[in-house]
N, C-alpha and C. Protein backbone atom coordinates (compact mmCIF):
# COMPACT_ATOMS: atom_id res chain seq x y z
N UNK A 1 209.32 137.10 149.58
CA UNK A 1 208.74 138.25 150.20
C UNK A 1 208.14 139.16 149.13
N UNK A 2 207.02 139.75 149.44
CA UNK A 2 206.34 140.65 148.52
C UNK A 2 207.15 141.93 148.34
N UNK A 3 207.30 142.39 147.07
CA UNK A 3 208.04 143.63 146.83
C UNK A 3 207.44 144.80 147.61
N UNK A 4 208.31 145.68 148.10
CA UNK A 4 207.90 146.85 148.85
C UNK A 4 208.63 148.07 148.34
N UNK A 5 207.99 149.21 148.46
CA UNK A 5 208.65 150.47 148.11
C UNK A 5 209.16 151.09 149.40
N UNK A 6 210.45 150.88 149.67
CA UNK A 6 211.09 151.42 150.86
C UNK A 6 212.23 152.32 150.42
N UNK A 7 212.33 153.49 151.03
CA UNK A 7 213.45 154.37 150.75
C UNK A 7 213.03 155.64 150.06
N UNK A 8 213.96 156.21 149.30
CA UNK A 8 213.76 157.46 148.58
C UNK A 8 214.36 157.34 147.18
N UNK A 9 213.97 158.26 146.32
CA UNK A 9 214.51 158.28 144.96
C UNK A 9 215.70 159.22 144.82
N UNK A 10 215.91 160.09 145.81
CA UNK A 10 216.99 161.07 145.73
C UNK A 10 217.76 161.06 147.05
N UNK A 11 219.07 160.85 146.97
CA UNK A 11 219.94 160.76 148.14
C UNK A 11 221.16 161.66 147.95
N UNK A 12 221.70 162.15 149.08
CA UNK A 12 222.89 163.00 149.04
C UNK A 12 223.93 162.45 150.01
N UNK A 13 225.17 162.37 149.55
CA UNK A 13 226.33 162.05 150.38
C UNK A 13 227.22 163.29 150.32
N UNK A 14 227.22 164.13 151.35
CA UNK A 14 227.94 165.40 151.26
C UNK A 14 229.44 165.29 151.54
N UNK A 15 229.90 164.26 152.23
CA UNK A 15 231.29 164.25 152.69
C UNK A 15 232.12 163.10 152.18
N UNK A 16 232.27 162.97 150.87
CA UNK A 16 233.11 161.92 150.31
C UNK A 16 234.57 162.32 150.29
N UNK A 17 235.44 161.32 150.41
CA UNK A 17 236.89 161.56 150.35
C UNK A 17 237.57 160.19 150.35
N UNK A 18 238.09 159.78 149.21
CA UNK A 18 238.78 158.49 149.13
C UNK A 18 240.21 158.69 149.60
N UNK A 19 240.58 158.13 150.76
CA UNK A 19 241.95 158.31 151.27
C UNK A 19 242.98 157.75 150.30
N UNK A 20 244.12 158.42 150.21
CA UNK A 20 245.21 157.95 149.36
C UNK A 20 246.19 157.14 150.21
N UNK A 21 246.56 156.00 149.72
CA UNK A 21 247.56 155.18 150.41
C UNK A 21 246.93 154.01 151.15
N UNK A 22 247.79 153.05 151.48
CA UNK A 22 247.35 151.86 152.19
C UNK A 22 248.50 151.34 153.04
N UNK A 23 248.16 150.59 154.05
CA UNK A 23 249.17 149.99 154.91
C UNK A 23 249.03 148.47 154.91
N UNK A 24 248.45 147.95 153.85
CA UNK A 24 248.24 146.51 153.78
C UNK A 24 248.21 146.03 152.35
N UNK A 25 247.87 144.77 152.20
CA UNK A 25 247.83 144.12 150.90
C UNK A 25 246.67 144.67 150.06
N UNK A 26 246.97 144.97 148.82
CA UNK A 26 245.92 145.43 147.90
C UNK A 26 245.43 144.24 147.08
N UNK A 27 244.18 144.16 146.67
CA UNK A 27 243.18 145.21 146.76
C UNK A 27 242.33 145.17 148.03
N UNK A 28 242.47 144.12 148.86
CA UNK A 28 241.61 143.99 150.05
C UNK A 28 241.72 145.19 150.98
N UNK A 29 242.93 145.72 151.13
CA UNK A 29 243.16 146.80 152.08
C UNK A 29 243.39 148.15 151.40
N UNK A 30 242.84 148.32 150.21
CA UNK A 30 242.90 149.61 149.55
C UNK A 30 241.87 150.52 150.20
N UNK A 31 242.28 151.71 150.61
CA UNK A 31 241.33 152.67 151.15
C UNK A 31 240.26 152.96 150.12
N UNK A 32 239.01 153.08 150.57
CA UNK A 32 237.93 153.31 149.63
C UNK A 32 236.70 153.90 150.32
N UNK A 33 235.84 154.51 149.50
CA UNK A 33 234.48 154.88 149.88
C UNK A 33 233.56 153.91 149.14
N UNK A 34 232.43 153.58 149.79
CA UNK A 34 231.54 152.57 149.21
C UNK A 34 230.08 152.91 149.49
N UNK A 35 229.21 152.58 148.55
CA UNK A 35 227.77 152.65 148.72
C UNK A 35 227.20 151.25 148.83
N UNK A 36 226.26 151.06 149.73
CA UNK A 36 225.43 149.86 149.76
C UNK A 36 224.03 150.33 149.41
N UNK A 37 223.46 149.77 148.35
CA UNK A 37 222.16 150.20 147.85
C UNK A 37 221.19 149.03 147.93
N UNK A 38 220.06 149.24 148.60
CA UNK A 38 219.03 148.22 148.75
C UNK A 38 217.81 148.61 147.92
N UNK A 39 217.37 147.69 147.06
CA UNK A 39 216.17 147.88 146.24
C UNK A 39 215.16 146.80 146.63
N UNK A 40 214.14 147.17 147.39
CA UNK A 40 213.12 146.21 147.81
C UNK A 40 211.92 146.19 146.87
N UNK A 41 211.93 147.03 145.85
CA UNK A 41 210.79 147.12 144.94
C UNK A 41 210.77 145.93 143.98
N UNK A 42 209.68 145.81 143.24
CA UNK A 42 209.55 144.76 142.25
C UNK A 42 210.09 145.16 140.89
N UNK A 43 210.74 146.32 140.81
CA UNK A 43 211.26 146.84 139.55
C UNK A 43 212.76 147.12 139.69
N UNK A 44 213.50 146.90 138.62
CA UNK A 44 214.93 147.21 138.61
C UNK A 44 215.15 148.70 138.89
N UNK A 45 216.15 149.01 139.70
CA UNK A 45 216.49 150.40 140.01
C UNK A 45 217.56 150.88 139.03
N UNK A 46 217.21 151.88 138.24
CA UNK A 46 218.17 152.54 137.36
C UNK A 46 218.62 153.79 138.08
N UNK A 47 219.89 153.83 138.43
CA UNK A 47 220.44 154.87 139.29
C UNK A 47 221.51 155.64 138.53
N UNK A 48 221.55 156.94 138.81
CA UNK A 48 222.63 157.79 138.28
C UNK A 48 223.27 158.54 139.43
N UNK A 49 224.60 158.51 139.47
CA UNK A 49 225.36 159.27 140.45
C UNK A 49 225.97 160.49 139.75
N UNK A 50 225.92 161.62 140.43
CA UNK A 50 226.63 162.81 139.98
C UNK A 50 227.58 163.21 141.09
N UNK A 51 228.84 163.45 140.74
CA UNK A 51 229.88 163.78 141.71
C UNK A 51 230.20 165.28 141.60
N UNK A 52 230.21 165.94 142.77
CA UNK A 52 230.49 167.38 142.85
C UNK A 52 231.80 167.61 143.60
N UNK A 53 232.52 168.66 143.20
CA UNK A 53 233.82 168.98 143.78
C UNK A 53 233.86 170.43 144.24
N UNK A 54 234.89 170.78 145.02
CA UNK A 54 235.10 172.16 145.46
C UNK A 54 235.60 173.05 144.34
N UNK A 55 236.45 172.50 143.48
CA UNK A 55 237.20 173.34 142.55
C UNK A 55 237.09 172.94 141.08
N UNK A 56 236.06 172.18 140.75
CA UNK A 56 235.88 171.78 139.35
C UNK A 56 234.40 171.46 139.10
N UNK A 57 233.99 171.40 137.84
CA UNK A 57 232.59 171.11 137.54
C UNK A 57 232.21 169.68 137.96
N UNK A 58 230.92 169.42 138.12
CA UNK A 58 230.48 168.06 138.46
C UNK A 58 230.77 167.07 137.34
N UNK A 59 230.89 165.80 137.72
CA UNK A 59 231.09 164.71 136.75
C UNK A 59 229.94 163.73 136.88
N UNK A 60 229.61 163.11 135.77
CA UNK A 60 228.56 162.11 135.75
C UNK A 60 227.76 162.26 134.47
N UNK A 61 226.73 161.48 134.35
CA UNK A 61 226.28 160.53 135.36
C UNK A 61 227.06 159.22 135.30
N UNK A 62 227.16 158.60 136.46
CA UNK A 62 227.70 157.25 136.60
C UNK A 62 226.50 156.33 136.76
N UNK A 63 226.20 155.49 135.76
CA UNK A 63 225.01 154.63 135.85
C UNK A 63 225.27 153.39 136.72
N UNK A 64 224.26 153.04 137.51
CA UNK A 64 224.30 151.84 138.34
C UNK A 64 222.93 151.18 138.22
N UNK A 65 222.91 149.87 138.13
CA UNK A 65 221.66 149.12 138.07
C UNK A 65 221.61 148.17 139.26
N UNK A 66 220.49 148.18 139.99
CA UNK A 66 220.28 147.25 141.09
C UNK A 66 218.99 146.48 140.78
N UNK A 67 219.12 145.18 140.63
CA UNK A 67 217.96 144.36 140.29
C UNK A 67 216.87 144.46 141.34
N UNK A 68 215.65 144.11 140.95
CA UNK A 68 214.51 144.12 141.87
C UNK A 68 214.78 143.20 143.04
N UNK A 69 214.44 143.65 144.23
CA UNK A 69 214.59 142.91 145.47
C UNK A 69 216.02 142.40 145.70
N UNK A 70 216.99 143.25 145.39
CA UNK A 70 218.40 142.91 145.58
C UNK A 70 219.13 144.10 146.19
N UNK A 71 220.37 143.85 146.59
CA UNK A 71 221.25 144.92 147.05
C UNK A 71 222.52 144.87 146.23
N UNK A 72 223.22 146.00 146.22
CA UNK A 72 224.47 146.08 145.47
C UNK A 72 225.43 146.98 146.21
N UNK A 73 226.70 146.58 146.24
CA UNK A 73 227.76 147.43 146.80
C UNK A 73 228.56 148.01 145.65
N UNK A 74 228.84 149.30 145.75
CA UNK A 74 229.58 150.02 144.71
C UNK A 74 230.70 150.80 145.37
N UNK A 75 231.94 150.53 144.95
CA UNK A 75 233.08 151.29 145.45
C UNK A 75 233.31 152.50 144.56
N UNK A 76 233.40 153.67 145.19
CA UNK A 76 233.66 154.88 144.41
C UNK A 76 234.98 154.76 143.65
N UNK A 77 235.94 154.04 144.19
CA UNK A 77 237.22 153.83 143.52
C UNK A 77 237.03 153.18 142.14
N UNK A 78 235.96 152.40 141.99
CA UNK A 78 235.73 151.67 140.74
C UNK A 78 234.95 152.49 139.71
N UNK A 79 234.49 153.67 140.09
CA UNK A 79 233.76 154.53 139.15
C UNK A 79 234.77 155.28 138.28
N UNK A 80 234.91 154.82 137.04
CA UNK A 80 235.94 155.42 136.18
C UNK A 80 235.37 156.02 134.90
N UNK A 81 234.12 155.76 134.59
CA UNK A 81 233.52 156.27 133.36
C UNK A 81 232.27 157.06 133.70
N UNK A 82 232.23 158.37 133.48
CA UNK A 82 232.98 159.10 132.48
C UNK A 82 234.35 159.61 132.93
N UNK A 83 234.65 159.61 134.22
CA UNK A 83 235.96 160.07 134.69
C UNK A 83 236.22 159.46 136.05
N UNK A 84 237.45 158.96 136.27
CA UNK A 84 237.80 158.38 137.57
C UNK A 84 237.74 159.45 138.65
N UNK A 85 237.23 159.07 139.81
CA UNK A 85 237.17 159.99 140.94
C UNK A 85 238.57 160.08 141.54
N UNK A 86 239.12 161.29 141.66
CA UNK A 86 240.49 161.42 142.16
C UNK A 86 240.60 161.06 143.64
N UNK A 87 241.72 160.44 144.00
CA UNK A 87 241.99 160.10 145.39
C UNK A 87 242.35 161.35 146.17
N UNK A 88 242.13 161.29 147.47
CA UNK A 88 242.52 162.35 148.39
C UNK A 88 241.94 163.72 148.00
N UNK A 89 240.71 163.70 147.47
CA UNK A 89 240.04 164.92 147.03
C UNK A 89 238.62 164.92 147.59
N UNK A 90 238.23 165.95 148.33
CA UNK A 90 236.86 166.01 148.84
C UNK A 90 235.84 166.04 147.69
N UNK A 91 234.74 165.32 147.88
CA UNK A 91 233.67 165.32 146.89
C UNK A 91 232.33 165.10 147.59
N UNK A 92 231.27 165.42 146.88
CA UNK A 92 229.91 165.10 147.32
C UNK A 92 229.24 164.33 146.19
N UNK A 93 228.19 163.60 146.54
CA UNK A 93 227.51 162.75 145.56
C UNK A 93 226.01 162.93 145.68
N UNK A 94 225.34 163.02 144.54
CA UNK A 94 223.88 162.98 144.49
C UNK A 94 223.49 161.73 143.72
N UNK A 95 222.62 160.93 144.34
CA UNK A 95 222.15 159.67 143.74
C UNK A 95 220.67 159.84 143.40
N UNK A 96 220.32 159.58 142.14
CA UNK A 96 218.93 159.64 141.70
C UNK A 96 218.53 158.28 141.17
N UNK A 97 217.36 157.80 141.59
CA UNK A 97 216.86 156.49 141.21
C UNK A 97 215.44 156.60 140.67
N UNK A 98 215.07 155.68 139.79
CA UNK A 98 213.71 155.66 139.26
C UNK A 98 212.72 155.00 140.22
N UNK A 99 213.21 154.25 141.21
CA UNK A 99 212.37 153.63 142.24
C UNK A 99 212.99 153.94 143.60
N UNK A 100 212.22 153.91 144.68
CA UNK A 100 212.79 154.14 146.00
C UNK A 100 213.84 153.08 146.36
N UNK A 101 214.96 153.54 146.90
CA UNK A 101 216.04 152.67 147.37
C UNK A 101 216.52 153.19 148.73
N UNK A 102 217.27 152.36 149.43
CA UNK A 102 217.91 152.76 150.68
C UNK A 102 219.41 152.77 150.44
N UNK A 103 220.10 153.81 150.93
CA UNK A 103 221.52 153.99 150.63
C UNK A 103 222.32 154.17 151.92
N UNK A 104 223.39 153.38 152.04
CA UNK A 104 224.33 153.51 153.15
C UNK A 104 225.70 153.85 152.57
N UNK A 105 226.43 154.72 153.24
CA UNK A 105 227.76 155.15 152.81
C UNK A 105 228.80 154.65 153.80
N UNK A 106 229.91 154.10 153.30
CA UNK A 106 230.99 153.61 154.16
C UNK A 106 232.33 154.08 153.63
N UNK A 107 233.28 154.22 154.55
CA UNK A 107 234.66 154.53 154.18
C UNK A 107 235.58 153.60 154.95
N UNK A 108 236.56 153.03 154.23
CA UNK A 108 237.62 152.25 154.87
C UNK A 108 238.92 152.99 154.64
N UNK A 109 239.56 153.40 155.72
CA UNK A 109 240.82 154.14 155.66
C UNK A 109 241.92 153.21 156.16
N UNK A 110 242.78 152.79 155.25
CA UNK A 110 243.83 151.82 155.58
C UNK A 110 245.23 152.45 155.59
N UNK A 111 245.31 153.76 155.76
CA UNK A 111 246.62 154.42 155.73
C UNK A 111 247.46 154.09 156.95
N UNK A 112 246.83 153.71 158.06
CA UNK A 112 247.56 153.37 159.28
C UNK A 112 247.40 151.89 159.58
N UNK A 113 248.23 151.37 160.45
CA UNK A 113 248.13 149.95 160.78
C UNK A 113 246.82 149.61 161.47
N UNK A 114 246.26 150.55 162.23
CA UNK A 114 244.93 150.37 162.83
C UNK A 114 243.91 150.91 161.84
N UNK A 115 243.35 150.02 161.00
CA UNK A 115 242.39 150.45 159.98
C UNK A 115 241.15 151.05 160.61
N UNK A 116 240.59 152.04 159.94
CA UNK A 116 239.37 152.68 160.41
C UNK A 116 238.26 152.47 159.39
N UNK A 117 237.07 152.11 159.88
CA UNK A 117 235.90 151.97 159.04
C UNK A 117 234.81 152.88 159.60
N UNK A 118 234.24 153.70 158.74
CA UNK A 118 233.15 154.59 159.11
C UNK A 118 231.96 154.24 158.23
N UNK A 119 230.78 154.20 158.81
CA UNK A 119 229.58 153.93 158.02
C UNK A 119 228.44 154.79 158.53
N UNK A 120 227.59 155.23 157.59
CA UNK A 120 226.46 156.08 157.94
C UNK A 120 225.42 156.00 156.85
N UNK A 121 224.21 156.35 157.20
CA UNK A 121 223.16 156.43 156.19
C UNK A 121 223.37 157.69 155.36
N UNK A 122 223.11 157.59 154.09
CA UNK A 122 223.12 158.78 153.24
C UNK A 122 221.90 159.62 153.62
N UNK A 123 221.80 160.83 153.10
CA UNK A 123 220.70 161.72 153.43
C UNK A 123 219.60 161.56 152.38
N UNK A 124 218.40 161.06 152.79
CA UNK A 124 217.30 160.92 151.83
C UNK A 124 216.64 162.28 151.60
N UNK A 125 216.53 162.68 150.34
CA UNK A 125 215.97 163.99 150.02
C UNK A 125 214.51 163.86 149.59
N UNK A 126 214.22 162.94 148.69
CA UNK A 126 212.85 162.80 148.19
C UNK A 126 212.59 161.36 147.79
């Protein structure tokens, strides 16, 4: 398929929160927040995430690379450099990319026996 520029270069996820605890086998059933990033362009997407909190300064950038015409899933739990994102703490995220991408946000909450999964599109800004 011919490369296409679909999406935006700037995205916002205002309501992040990695639940603490699990009711199942880890790591499959570890509660987590996750991004799915789609890059349909013909150029590699160089992405930086900045994490914002209620009671502390922002952290980042967290670099992510998505190859041309590929998708990538990124768990916020796995973002540890420059600083691990604390569990059970509200946060927001700003994603900046050098090429347009499409971003979906998901949360898996495994604290109860009836696991909950929530998914939504991130907010495209520009």
